[in-house]
Amino acid sequence: MASSSKNKTTMAKRNRENKVREKQMRKAARKAARKLEPANGPAVPEALSPEEAEEAEAVKAAEIAAALERLEA
């Protein structure tokens, strides 16, 4: 005979599931970052001035954030 009460999910199980989801998101972010990076080396060449390098890093971070948002949606 089945019980009529619902089984409750424990906090430990929820925490494990959230940890797995976060790990998958980090993995997807790394994958997106690899796709954005050119095949022959890092995205920021050393010939840039420090200001240009900072701007390039900011653009790269924005692209990664946009990729993460698309994955979450």
PDB file of N, CA and C in Angstrom:
ATOM      1  N   MET A   1       0.826  -1.160   0.000  1.00  0.00           N
ATOM      2  CA  MET A   1       0.000   0.000   0.000  1.00  0.00           C
ATOM      3  C   MET A   1       0.893   1.254   0.000  1.00  0.00           C
ATOM      4  N   ALA A   2       0.602   2.184  -0.878  1.00  0.00           N
ATOM      5  CA  ALA A   2       1.391   3.412  -0.969  1.00  0.00           C
ATOM      6  C   ALA A   2       0.931   4.401   0.084  1.00  0.00           C
ATOM      7  N   SER A   3       1.873   5.183   0.586  1.00  0.00           N
ATOM      8  CA  SER A   3       1.485   6.185   1.578  1.00  0.00           C
ATOM      9  C   SER A   3       0.878   7.393   0.873  1.00  0.00           C
ATOM     10  N   SER A   4       0.005   8.074   1.549  1.00  0.00           N
ATOM     11  CA  SER A   4      -0.683   9.207   0.935  1.00  0.00           C
ATOM     12  C   SER A   4       0.102  10.508   1.093  1.00  0.00           C
ATOM     13  N   SER A   5       1.129  10.517   1.928  1.00  0.00           N
ATOM     14  CA  SER A   5       1.899  11.749   2.119  1.00  0.00           C
ATOM     15  C   SER A   5       3.052  11.819   1.106  1.00  0.00           C
ATOM     16  N   LYS A   6       3.367  13.047   0.710  1.00  0.00           N
ATOM     17  CA  LYS A   6       4.462  13.238  -0.244  1.00  0.00           C
ATOM     18  C   LYS A   6       5.786  13.149   0.493  1.00  0.00           C
ATOM     19  N   ASN A   7       6.784  12.611  -0.174  1.00  0.00           N
ATOM     20  CA  ASN A   7       8.129  12.610   0.397  1.00  0.00           C
ATOM     21  C   ASN A   7       8.739  13.982   0.178  1.00  0.00           C
ATOM     22  N   LYS A   8       9.362  14.518   1.177  1.00  0.00           N
ATOM     23  CA  LYS A   8       9.981  15.823   1.070  1.00  0.00           C
ATOM     24  C   LYS A   8      11.441  15.669   0.654  1.00  0.00           C
ATOM     25  N   THR A   9      11.886  16.566  -0.198  1.00  0.00           N
ATOM     26  CA  THR A   9      13.289  16.575  -0.599  1.00  0.00           C
ATOM     27  C   THR A   9      14.091  17.196   0.532  1.00  0.00           C
ATOM     28  N   THR A  10      15.148  16.537   0.925  1.00  0.00           N
ATOM     29  CA  THR A  10      15.958  17.057   2.023  1.00  0.00           C
ATOM     30  C   THR A  10      16.826  18.200   1.530  1.00  0.00           C
ATOM     31  N   MET A  11      17.257  19.027   2.463  1.00  0.00           N
ATOM     32  CA  MET A  11      18.138  20.149   2.127  1.00  0.00           C
ATOM     33  C   MET A  11      19.459  19.636   1.569  1.00  0.00           C
ATOM     34  N   ALA A  12      19.928  18.507   2.068  1.00  0.00           N
ATOM     35  CA  ALA A  12      21.189  17.951   1.572  1.00  0.00           C
ATOM     36  C   ALA A  12      21.077  17.616   0.088  1.00  0.00           C
ATOM     37  N   LYS A  13      19.943  17.037  -0.296  1.00  0.00           N
ATOM     38  CA  LYS A  13      19.745  16.701  -1.709  1.00  0.00           C
ATOM     39  C   LYS A  13      19.665  17.967  -2.543  1.00  0.00           C
ATOM     40  N   ARG A  14      18.932  18.965  -2.057  1.00  0.00           N
ATOM     41  CA  ARG A  14      18.847  20.234  -2.798  1.00  0.00           C
ATOM     42  C   ARG A  14      20.215  20.868  -2.952  1.00  0.00           C
ATOM     43  N   ASN A  15      21.014  20.825  -1.890  1.00  0.00           N
ATOM     44  CA  ASN A  15      22.362  21.394  -1.952  1.00  0.00           C
ATOM     45  C   ASN A  15      23.220  20.657  -2.975  1.00  0.00           C
ATOM     46  N   ARG A  16      23.112  19.340  -3.002  1.00  0.00           N
ATOM     47  CA  ARG A  16      23.877  18.556  -3.991  1.00  0.00           C
ATOM     48  C   ARG A  16      23.455  18.916  -5.406  1.00  0.00           C
ATOM     49  N   GLU A  17      22.141  19.028  -5.612  1.00  0.00           N
ATOM     50  CA  GLU A  17      21.643  19.364  -6.949  1.00  0.00           C
ATOM     51  C   GLU A  17      22.097  20.762  -7.372  1.00  0.00           C
ATOM     52  N   ASN A  18      22.063  21.723  -6.443  1.00  0.00           N
ATOM     53  CA  ASN A  18      22.524  23.076  -6.764  1.00  0.00           C
ATOM     54  C   ASN A  18      24.008  23.086  -7.096  1.00  0.00           C
ATOM     55  N   LYS A  19      24.778  22.295  -6.367  1.00  0.00           N
ATOM     56  CA  LYS A  19      26.218  22.206  -6.614  1.00  0.00           C
ATOM     57  C   LYS A  19      26.480  21.668  -8.021  1.00  0.00           C
ATOM     58  N   VAL A  20      25.724  20.666  -8.435  1.00  0.00           N
ATOM     59  CA  VAL A  20      25.876  20.097  -9.776  1.00  0.00           C
ATOM     60  C   VAL A  20      25.512  21.138 -10.825  1.00  0.00           C
ATOM     61  N   ARG A  21      24.405  21.867 -10.606  1.00  0.00           N
ATOM     62  CA  ARG A  21      23.995  22.909 -11.555  1.00  0.00           C
ATOM     63  C   ARG A  21      25.056  23.985 -11.692  1.00  0.00           C
ATOM     64  N   GLU A  22      25.626  24.416 -10.567  1.00  0.00           N
ATOM     65  CA  GLU A  22      26.668  25.444 -10.602  1.00  0.00           C
ATOM     66  C   GLU A  22      27.903  24.945 -11.333  1.00  0.00           C
ATOM     67  N   LYS A  23      28.260  23.687 -11.104  1.00  0.00           N
ATOM     68  CA  LYS A  23      29.423  23.120 -11.784  1.00  0.00           C
ATOM     69  C   LYS A  23      29.191  23.074 -13.292  1.00  0.00           C
ATOM     70  N   GLN A  24      27.982  22.712 -13.706  1.00  0.00           N
ATOM     71  CA  GLN A  24      27.657  22.678 -15.132  1.00  0.00           C
ATOM     72  C   GLN A  24      27.723  24.075 -15.740  1.00  0.00           C
ATOM     73  N   MET A  25      27.275  25.084 -14.997  1.00  0.00           N
ATOM     74  CA  MET A  25      27.337  26.455 -15.496  1.00  0.00           C
ATOM     75  C   MET A  25      28.779  26.924 -15.639  1.00  0.00           C
ATOM     76  N   ARG A  26      29.629  26.585 -14.651  1.00  0.00           N
ATOM     77  CA  ARG A  26      31.046  26.966 -14.756  1.00  0.00           C
ATOM     78  C   ARG A  26      31.703  26.283 -15.950  1.00  0.00           C
ATOM     79  N   LYS A  27      31.356  25.029 -16.164  1.00  0.00           N
ATOM     80  CA  LYS A  27      31.908  24.288 -17.295  1.00  0.00           C
ATOM     81  C   LYS A  27      31.460  24.910 -18.614  1.00  0.00           C
ATOM     82  N   ALA A  28      30.186  25.292 -18.695  1.00  0.00           N
ATOM     83  CA  ALA A  28      29.674  25.932 -19.908  1.00  0.00           C
ATOM     84  C   ALA A  28      30.355  27.279 -20.135  1.00  0.00           C
ATOM     85  N   ALA A  29      30.647  28.005 -19.054  1.00  0.00           N
ATOM     86  CA  ALA A  29      31.333  29.292 -19.185  1.00  0.00           C
ATOM     87  C   ALA A  29      32.748  29.096 -19.706  1.00  0.00           C
ATOM     88  N   ARG A  30      33.436  28.078 -19.191  1.00  0.00           N
ATOM     89  CA  ARG A  30      34.795  27.795 -19.690  1.00  0.00           C
ATOM     90  C   ARG A  30      34.755  27.417 -21.159  1.00  0.00           C
ATOM     91  N   LYS A  31      33.751  26.625 -21.542  1.00  0.00           N
ATOM     92  CA  LYS A  31      33.614  26.217 -22.937  1.00  0.00           C
ATOM     93  C   LYS A  31      33.358  27.430 -23.828  1.00  0.00           C
ATOM     94  N   ALA A  32      32.483  28.326 -23.369  1.00  0.00           N
ATOM     95  CA  ALA A  32      32.194  29.536 -24.145  1.00  0.00           C
ATOM     96  C   ALA A  32      33.440  30.407 -24.261  1.00  0.00           C
ATOM     97  N   ALA A  33      34.217  30.495 -23.198  1.00  0.00           N
ATOM     98  CA  ALA A  33      35.441  31.290 -23.230  1.00  0.00           C
ATOM     99  C   ALA A  33      36.444  30.697 -24.222  1.00  0.00           C
ATOM    100  N   ARG A  34      36.527  29.379 -24.266  1.00  0.00           N
ATOM    101  CA  ARG A  34      37.438  28.735 -25.227  1.00  0.00           C
ATOM    102  C   ARG A  34      37.002  28.997 -26.651  1.00  0.00           C
ATOM    103  N   LYS A  35      35.680  29.020 -26.890  1.00  0.00           N
ATOM    104  CA  LYS A  35      35.186  29.292 -28.238  1.00  0.00           C
ATOM    105  C   LYS A  35      35.508  30.713 -28.666  1.00  0.00           C
ATOM    106  N   LEU A  36      35.454  31.656 -27.713  1.00  0.00           N
ATOM    107  CA  LEU A  36      35.720  33.048 -28.031  1.00  0.00           C
ATOM    108  C   LEU A  36      37.207  33.311 -28.257  1.00  0.00           C
ATOM    109  N   GLU A  37      38.062  32.515 -27.659  1.00  0.00           N
ATOM    110  CA  GLU A  37      39.499  32.703 -27.772  1.00  0.00           C
ATOM    111  C   GLU A  37      39.972  32.178 -29.122  1.00  0.00           C
ATOM    112  N   PRO A  38      40.816  32.917 -29.812  1.00  0.00           N
ATOM    113  CA  PRO A  38      41.310  32.418 -31.102  1.00  0.00           C
ATOM    114  C   PRO A  38      42.156  31.163 -30.925  1.00  0.00           C
ATOM    115  N   ALA A  39      42.244  30.389 -31.966  1.00  0.00           N
ATOM    116  CA  ALA A  39      42.934  29.106 -31.903  1.00  0.00           C
ATOM    117  C   ALA A  39      44.440  29.262 -31.722  1.00  0.00           C
ATOM    118  N   ASN A  40      45.011  30.383 -32.113  1.00  0.00           N
ATOM    119  CA  ASN A  40      46.466  30.514 -32.087  1.00  0.00           C
ATOM    120  C   ASN A  40      47.020  31.160 -30.824  1.00  0.00           C
ATOM    121  N   GLY A  41      46.216  31.528 -29.853  1.00  0.00           N
ATOM    122  CA  GLY A  41      46.772  32.101 -28.632  1.00  0.00           C
ATOM    123  C   GLY A  41      45.757  32.887 -27.833  1.00  0.00           C
ATOM    124  N   PRO A  42      46.253  33.631 -26.845  1.00  0.00           N
ATOM    125  CA  PRO A  42      45.335  34.394 -26.000  1.00  0.00           C
ATOM    126  C   PRO A  42      44.668  35.522 -26.772  1.00  0.00           C
ATOM    127  N   ALA A  43      43.540  35.997 -26.235  1.00  0.00           N
ATOM    128  CA  ALA A  43      42.740  37.008 -26.923  1.00  0.00           C
ATOM    129  C   ALA A  43      43.397  38.384 -26.894  1.00  0.00           C
ATOM    130  N   VAL A  44      44.259  38.646 -25.907  1.00  0.00           N
ATOM    131  CA  VAL A  44      44.871  39.966 -25.778  1.00  0.00           C
ATOM    132  C   VAL A  44      46.350  39.878 -26.147  1.00  0.00           C
ATOM    133  N   PRO A  45      46.745  40.409 -27.305  1.00  0.00           N
ATOM    134  CA  PRO A  45      48.163  40.380 -27.659  1.00  0.00           C
ATOM    135  C   PRO A  45      48.976  41.320 -26.768  1.00  0.00           C
ATOM    136  N   GLU A  46      50.248  41.052 -26.635  1.00  0.00           N
ATOM    137  CA  GLU A  46      51.103  41.847 -25.762  1.00  0.00           C
ATOM    138  C   GLU A  46      51.418  43.217 -26.352  1.00  0.00           C
ATOM    139  N   ALA A  47      51.166  43.449 -27.638  1.00  0.00           N
ATOM    140  CA  ALA A  47      51.495  44.707 -28.289  1.00  0.00           C
ATOM    141  C   ALA A  47      50.540  45.832 -27.889  1.00  0.00           C
ATOM    142  N   LEU A  48      49.458  45.531 -27.182  1.00  0.00           N
ATOM    143  CA  LEU A  48      48.506  46.551 -26.782  1.00  0.00           C
ATOM    144  C   LEU A  48      49.028  47.351 -25.599  1.00  0.00           C
ATOM    145  N   SER A  49      48.594  48.599 -25.520  1.00  0.00           N
ATOM    146  CA  SER A  49      48.925  49.414 -24.357  1.00  0.00           C
ATOM    147  C   SER A  49      48.116  48.885 -23.169  1.00  0.00           C
ATOM    148  N   PRO A  50      48.502  49.241 -21.963  1.00  0.00           N
ATOM    149  CA  PRO A  50      47.755  48.751 -20.793  1.00  0.00           C
ATOM    150  C   PRO A  50      46.275  49.131 -20.835  1.00  0.00           C
ATOM    151  N   GLU A  51      45.949  50.346 -21.316  1.00  0.00           N
ATOM    152  CA  GLU A  51      44.561  50.769 -21.399  1.00  0.00           C
ATOM    153  C   GLU A  51      43.794  49.908 -22.405  1.00  0.00           C
ATOM    154  N   GLU A  52      44.436  49.653 -23.554  1.00  0.00           N
ATOM    155  CA  GLU A  52      43.791  48.834 -24.584  1.00  0.00           C
ATOM    156  C   GLU A  52      43.603  47.397 -24.093  1.00  0.00           C
ATOM    157  N   ALA A  53      44.590  46.895 -23.356  1.00  0.00           N
ATOM    158  CA  ALA A  53      44.492  45.537 -22.821  1.00  0.00           C
ATOM    159  C   ALA A  53      43.333  45.433 -21.831  1.00  0.00           C
ATOM    160  N   GLU A  54      43.173  46.453 -20.977  1.00  0.00           N
ATOM    161  CA  GLU A  54      42.065  46.451 -20.021  1.00  0.00           C
ATOM    162  C   GLU A  54      40.726  46.489 -20.746  1.00  0.00           C
ATOM    163  N   GLU A  55      40.642  47.297 -21.792  1.00  0.00           N
ATOM    164  CA  GLU A  55      39.405  47.387 -22.557  1.00  0.00           C
ATOM    165  C   GLU A  55      39.085  46.051 -23.233  1.00  0.00           C
ATOM    166  N   ALA A  56      40.125  45.400 -23.787  1.00  0.00           N
ATOM    167  CA  ALA A  56      39.917  44.106 -24.431  1.00  0.00           C
ATOM    168  C   ALA A  56      39.443  43.064 -23.423  1.00  0.00           C
ATOM    169  N   GLU A  57      39.998  43.087 -22.216  1.00  0.00           N
ATOM    170  CA  GLU A  57      39.570  42.159 -21.168  1.00  0.00           C
ATOM    171  C   GLU A  57      38.121  42.422 -20.774  1.00  0.00           C
ATOM    172  N   ALA A  58      37.743  43.702 -20.707  1.00  0.00           N
ATOM    173  CA  ALA A  58      36.363  44.046 -20.350  1.00  0.00           C
ATOM    174  C   ALA A  58      35.392  43.543 -21.416  1.00  0.00           C
ATOM    175  N   VAL A  59      35.780  43.683 -22.681  1.00  0.00           N
ATOM    176  CA  VAL A  59      34.932  43.195 -23.775  1.00  0.00           C
ATOM    177  C   VAL A  59      34.800  41.681 -23.698  1.00  0.00           C
ATOM    178  N   LYS A  60      35.917  41.021 -23.439  1.00  0.00           N
ATOM    179  CA  LYS A  60      35.900  39.561 -23.332  1.00  0.00           C
ATOM    180  C   LYS A  60      34.994  39.115 -22.174  1.00  0.00           C
ATOM    181  N   ALA A  61      35.093  39.805 -21.043  1.00  0.00           N
ATOM    182  CA  ALA A  61      34.257  39.470 -19.890  1.00  0.00           C
ATOM    183  C   ALA A  61      32.783  39.681 -20.215  1.00  0.00           C
ATOM    184  N   ALA A  62      32.477  40.742 -20.951  1.00  0.00           N
ATOM    185  CA  ALA A  62      31.090  41.006 -21.331  1.00  0.00           C
ATOM    186  C   ALA A  62      30.569  39.918 -22.268  1.00  0.00           C
ATOM    187  N   GLU A  63      31.409  39.468 -23.191  1.00  0.00           N
ATOM    188  CA  GLU A  63      31.002  38.396 -24.106  1.00  0.00           C
ATOM    189  C   GLU A  63      30.740  37.103 -23.342  1.00  0.00           C
ATOM    190  N   ILE A  64      31.573  36.804 -22.369  1.00  0.00           N
ATOM    191  CA  ILE A  64      31.385  35.592 -21.566  1.00  0.00           C
ATOM    192  C   ILE A  64      30.103  35.707 -20.745  1.00  0.00           C
ATOM    193  N   ALA A  65      29.853  36.889 -20.171  1.00  0.00           N
ATOM    194  CA  ALA A  65      28.635  37.094 -19.397  1.00  0.00           C
ATOM    195  C   ALA A  65      27.403  36.925 -20.277  1.00  0.00           C
ATOM    196  N   ALA A  66      27.473  37.436 -21.504  1.00  0.00           N
ATOM    197  CA  ALA A  66      26.343  37.288 -22.427  1.00  0.00           C
ATOM    198  C   ALA A  66      26.119  35.818 -22.778  1.00  0.00           C
ATOM    199  N   ALA A  67      27.220  35.084 -22.962  1.00  0.00           N
ATOM    200  CA  ALA A  67      27.100  33.661 -23.263  1.00  0.00           C
ATOM    201  C   ALA A  67      26.468  32.914 -22.095  1.00  0.00           C
ATOM    202  N   LEU A  68      26.849  33.285 -20.875  1.00  0.00           N
ATOM    203  CA  LEU A  68      26.258  32.651 -19.694  1.00  0.00           C
ATOM    204  C   LEU A  68      24.766  32.947 -19.597  1.00  0.00           C
ATOM    205  N   GLU A  69      24.377  34.185 -19.888  1.00  0.00           N
ATOM    206  CA  GLU A  69      22.968  34.537 -19.845  1.00  0.00           C
ATOM    207  C   GLU A  69      22.162  33.734 -20.853  1.00  0.00           C
ATOM    208  N   ARG A  70      22.745  33.519 -22.037  1.00  0.00           N
ATOM    209  CA  ARG A  70      22.043  32.714 -23.051  1.00  0.00           C
ATOM    210  C   ARG A  70      21.899  31.275 -22.570  1.00  0.00           C
ATOM    211  N   LEU A  71      22.889  30.768 -21.858  1.00  0.00           N
ATOM    212  CA  LEU A  71      22.819  29.388 -21.356  1.00  0.00           C
ATOM    213  C   LEU A  71      21.777  29.263 -20.248  1.00  0.00           C
ATOM    214  N   GLU A  72      21.665  30.290 -19.417  1.00  0.00           N
ATOM    215  CA  GLU A  72      20.719  30.236 -18.296  1.00  0.00           C
ATOM    216  C   GLU A  72      19.277  30.375 -18.773  1.00  0.00           C
ATOM    217  N   ALA A  73      19.067  31.052 -19.880  1.00  0.00           N
ATOM    218  CA  ALA A  73      17.707  31.298 -20.350  1.00  0.00           C
ATOM    219  C   ALA A  73      17.084  30.065 -20.959  1.00  0.00           C
TER     220      ALA A  73
END
